Amino acid sequence: MWTIVVGGGSASRFGRRKQYESLGAERVIDRSRRVAEQVSDGVIVVVPAEDVIREGGVAGGSTRSESVRAGLAAVPADATVICVHDAARPLATAELYGRVVRAVSGGADAAIPGVAVTDTIKVVADGRVVATPDRSTLVAVQTPQAFRADVLRDAHRGEATATDDAALVEAAGGRVVVVAGEDDNLKITRPADLDWARRVVHDRDES
């Protein structure tokens, strides 16, 4: 099993490259890499092209999907399961990796973590509400996401773009299952998210 840790973005909403921000004793990207290394036979870290030499990774692309494809190109051909994880989710646990990998080993084409949506969601077009989905059928999706290696490679062969890799597998007709996600596995998007993650890390280290 191999993992691609995707940290090649410019973090435009954050204002600076959040993957290199400190979480105490280690950076965001270092923590994501460390947890992946605990459960994987190998880890490929995707970073901005100018950081490859310093970080020891591979160069990402202009979109997330391009960055994942760059990582895929570095994964050995004999890998059977590939996980894709966003570096900006540094609080994912080894247990979460285990859940998605077991689901793929059990026969799914892909497995993704999900947590229940607590807010009411509206579908909006041109400023007007056009639908209100049943909240009980919705989940907020996280990473790491696990895939049969051949399925993930096939899904990326057409160079399509999506916000997550499971969407590409879905579009190709693959069977994607959902496992229980983790409430603390939030994506660092804004500076306030980083402050929150630092507090969580501190509390975990103190316990």
Protein backbone atom coordinates (compact mmCIF):
# COMPACT_ATOMS: atom_id res chain seq x y z
CA MET A 1 0.00 0.00 0.00
CA TRP A 2 1.33 3.42 -1.01
CA THR A 3 0.14 6.89 -0.06
CA ILE A 4 0.28 10.14 -2.02
CA VAL A 5 0.32 13.16 0.31
CA VAL A 6 -0.84 16.15 -1.73
CA GLY A 7 0.74 19.43 -0.65
CA GLY A 8 1.34 21.14 -3.96
CA GLY A 9 -1.17 23.97 -3.70
CA SER A 10 -0.53 27.69 -3.39
CA ALA A 11 -3.00 28.06 -0.47
CA SER A 12 -4.50 31.24 -1.93
CA ARG A 13 -7.36 31.34 0.60
CA PHE A 14 -4.94 30.95 3.51
CA GLY A 15 -2.62 33.72 2.30
CA ARG A 16 0.60 31.69 2.51
CA ARG A 17 1.62 28.06 2.08
CA LYS A 18 -0.20 26.46 4.97
CA GLN A 19 1.47 23.07 4.42
CA TYR A 20 4.69 24.53 5.87
CA GLU A 21 3.11 26.16 8.93
CA SER A 22 4.15 24.93 12.37
CA LEU A 23 2.00 22.61 14.46
CA GLY A 24 4.33 22.74 17.42
CA ALA A 25 7.24 20.33 17.03
CA GLU A 26 6.54 19.66 13.35
CA ARG A 27 4.99 21.32 10.32
CA VAL A 28 1.56 20.54 8.86
CA ILE A 29 3.03 18.58 5.94
CA ASP A 30 5.48 16.73 8.19
CA ARG A 31 2.71 15.44 10.45
CA SER A 32 0.64 14.29 7.44
CA ARG A 33 3.69 12.54 6.01
CA ARG A 34 4.61 10.91 9.34
CA VAL A 35 1.20 9.36 9.90
CA ALA A 36 1.11 8.10 6.30
CA GLU A 37 4.54 6.52 6.74
CA GLN A 38 3.32 4.61 9.79
CA VAL A 39 0.79 2.67 7.72
CA SER A 40 2.21 2.64 4.19
CA ASP A 41 4.89 0.68 2.34
CA GLY A 42 5.90 3.95 0.70
CA VAL A 43 4.86 7.61 0.65
CA ILE A 44 5.08 10.14 -2.18
CA VAL A 45 4.82 13.78 -1.13
CA VAL A 46 3.70 16.27 -3.78
CA VAL A 47 4.91 19.85 -3.28
CA PRO A 48 5.24 23.03 -5.36
CA ALA A 49 7.90 22.65 -8.04
CA GLU A 50 10.26 25.14 -6.43
CA ASP A 51 10.25 23.16 -3.16
CA VAL A 52 11.07 19.71 -4.54
CA ILE A 53 14.78 19.72 -3.68
CA ARG A 54 14.21 21.03 -0.16
CA GLU A 55 11.25 18.78 0.65
CA GLY A 56 12.33 15.64 -1.19
CA GLY A 57 9.03 15.23 -3.00
CA VAL A 58 7.71 15.43 -6.55
CA ALA A 59 6.48 18.56 -8.29
CA GLY A 60 2.75 19.20 -8.29
CA GLY A 61 0.66 20.74 -11.04
CA SER A 62 -1.67 23.71 -11.41
CA THR A 63 -4.70 21.73 -10.15
CA ARG A 64 -5.16 19.15 -7.42
CA SER A 65 -5.84 16.43 -10.01
CA GLU A 66 -2.61 17.27 -11.83
CA SER A 67 -0.74 17.02 -8.54
CA VAL A 68 -2.26 13.61 -7.82
CA ARG A 69 -1.24 12.42 -11.29
CA ALA A 70 2.31 13.58 -10.61
CA GLY A 71 2.29 11.52 -7.44
CA LEU A 72 0.79 8.53 -9.23
CA ALA A 73 3.62 8.57 -11.75
CA ALA A 74 6.07 8.03 -8.87
CA VAL A 75 4.17 5.14 -7.24
CA PRO A 76 5.60 1.73 -8.17
CA ALA A 77 3.63 -0.23 -10.75
CA ASP A 78 3.19 -3.18 -8.38
CA ALA A 79 1.26 -1.17 -5.76
CA THR A 80 -2.19 -2.70 -5.23
CA VAL A 81 -3.82 -0.09 -2.98
CA ILE A 82 -3.13 3.64 -3.15
CA CYS A 83 -4.28 6.22 -0.62
CA VAL A 84 -4.52 9.91 -1.46
CA HIS A 85 -4.37 12.34 1.44
CA ASP A 86 -4.43 16.12 1.60
CA ALA A 87 -1.44 17.46 3.51
CA ALA A 88 -3.76 20.15 4.90
CA ARG A 89 -5.53 17.49 7.01
CA PRO A 90 -2.71 16.80 9.47
CA LEU A 91 -4.93 15.32 12.20
CA ALA A 92 -6.00 12.18 10.30
CA THR A 93 -5.08 9.09 12.31
CA ALA A 94 -3.53 5.75 11.42
CA GLU A 95 -6.84 4.16 12.40
CA LEU A 96 -8.64 6.15 9.70
CA TYR A 97 -6.15 4.90 7.11
CA GLY A 98 -6.90 1.40 8.32
CA ARG A 99 -10.65 1.81 7.81
CA VAL A 100 -10.41 2.98 4.20
CA VAL A 101 -7.76 0.40 3.27
CA ARG A 102 -9.78 -2.47 4.77
CA ALA A 103 -12.84 -1.40 2.78
CA VAL A 104 -10.86 -1.54 -0.48
CA SER A 105 -9.27 -4.84 0.50
CA GLY A 106 -12.81 -6.08 1.10
CA GLY A 107 -13.86 -5.43 -2.48
CA ALA A 108 -14.65 -1.73 -2.96
CA ASP A 109 -13.03 0.20 -5.81
CA ALA A 110 -12.60 3.17 -3.47
CA ALA A 111 -13.32 4.06 0.14
CA ILE A 112 -13.72 7.56 1.54
CA PRO A 113 -14.21 8.87 5.08
CA GLY A 114 -17.37 10.83 5.72
CA VAL A 115 -18.97 12.66 8.63
CA ALA A 116 -22.63 13.59 9.01
CA VAL A 117 -23.71 17.02 7.78
CA THR A 118 -25.27 19.00 10.62
CA ASP A 119 -26.31 22.12 8.69
CA THR A 120 -29.25 22.34 6.32
CA ILE A 121 -27.90 22.45 2.76
CA LYS A 122 -29.52 24.43 -0.06
CA VAL A 123 -28.96 24.05 -3.80
CA VAL A 124 -28.79 27.55 -5.27
CA ALA A 125 -28.91 28.74 -8.88
CA ASP A 126 -28.64 32.43 -9.81
CA GLY A 127 -29.19 33.43 -6.19
CA ARG A 128 -32.40 31.41 -5.85
CA VAL A 129 -32.89 28.24 -3.81
CA VAL A 130 -33.91 25.41 -6.15
CA ALA A 131 -33.71 22.41 -3.81
CA THR A 132 -33.14 21.34 -0.22
CA PRO A 133 -31.51 17.87 -0.10
CA ASP A 134 -32.41 15.46 2.67
CA ARG A 135 -29.65 16.02 5.22
CA SER A 136 -29.72 12.38 6.28
CA THR A 137 -28.38 11.37 2.87
CA LEU A 138 -25.41 13.77 2.95
CA VAL A 139 -21.89 13.41 4.33
CA ALA A 140 -18.91 15.75 4.35
CA VAL A 141 -16.03 13.90 2.73
CA GLN A 142 -12.47 13.75 4.05
CA THR A 143 -9.12 12.20 3.18
CA PRO A 144 -7.28 9.82 3.23
CA GLN A 145 -9.19 8.14 0.44
CA ALA A 146 -8.15 4.61 -0.57
CA PHE A 147 -8.35 3.10 -4.05
CA ARG A 148 -7.57 -0.05 -5.92
CA ALA A 149 -4.44 1.06 -7.71
CA ASP A 150 -5.63 0.08 -11.18
CA VAL A 151 -8.96 1.87 -10.67
CA LEU A 152 -7.27 5.10 -9.57
CA ARG A 153 -4.82 5.01 -12.47
CA ASP A 154 -7.65 4.40 -14.95
CA ALA A 155 -9.71 7.24 -13.46
CA HIS A 156 -6.83 9.67 -14.00
CA ARG A 157 -5.89 8.44 -17.47
CA GLY A 158 -8.22 10.92 -19.18
CA GLU A 159 -6.67 13.87 -17.32
CA ALA A 160 -10.03 14.93 -15.91
CA THR A 161 -10.23 17.36 -12.99
CA ALA A 162 -12.25 17.01 -9.79
CA THR A 163 -12.14 18.26 -6.23
CA ASP A 164 -11.46 14.74 -5.00
CA ASP A 165 -10.34 11.51 -6.62
CA ALA A 166 -13.43 9.59 -5.60
CA ALA A 167 -15.45 11.79 -7.95
CA LEU A 168 -13.36 10.58 -10.88
CA VAL A 169 -13.90 6.96 -9.86
CA GLU A 170 -17.63 7.61 -9.51
CA ALA A 171 -17.75 9.13 -12.98
CA ALA A 172 -16.08 6.01 -14.37
CA GLY A 173 -18.72 3.79 -12.76
CA GLY A 174 -16.60 2.53 -9.87
CA ARG A 175 -18.00 1.40 -6.52
CA VAL A 176 -17.17 3.98 -3.87
CA VAL A 177 -18.06 3.25 -0.23
CA VAL A 178 -18.09 5.52 2.81
CA VAL A 179 -16.48 4.70 6.16
CA ALA A 180 -16.71 6.67 9.40
CA GLY A 181 -14.61 9.81 9.29
CA GLU A 182 -13.11 11.70 12.24
CA ASP A 183 -14.46 14.93 13.71
CA ASP A 184 -10.93 16.30 14.28
CA ASN A 185 -9.86 15.55 10.70
CA LEU A 186 -10.60 19.05 9.47
CA LYS A 187 -8.91 20.68 6.51
CA ILE A 188 -6.79 23.72 7.31
CA THR A 189 -8.19 26.38 5.00
CA ARG A 190 -7.95 29.65 6.98
CA PRO A 191 -5.63 30.90 9.73
CA ALA A 192 -8.30 30.22 12.38
CA ASP A 193 -8.24 26.54 11.34
CA LEU A 194 -4.50 26.42 11.99
CA ASP A 195 -4.97 27.93 15.45
CA TRP A 196 -7.57 25.25 16.21
CA ALA A 197 -5.31 22.44 14.93
CA ARG A 198 -2.44 23.70 17.10
CA ARG A 199 -4.68 23.49 20.16
CA VAL A 200 -5.74 19.95 19.29
CA VAL A 201 -2.13 18.85 18.80
CA HIS A 202 -1.12 20.46 22.10
CA ASP A 203 -3.96 18.72 23.94
CA ARG A 204 -3.11 15.35 22.38
CA ASP A 205 0.56 15.71 23.31
CA GLU A 206 -0.36 16.66 26.87
CA SER A 207 -2.70 13.70 27.37
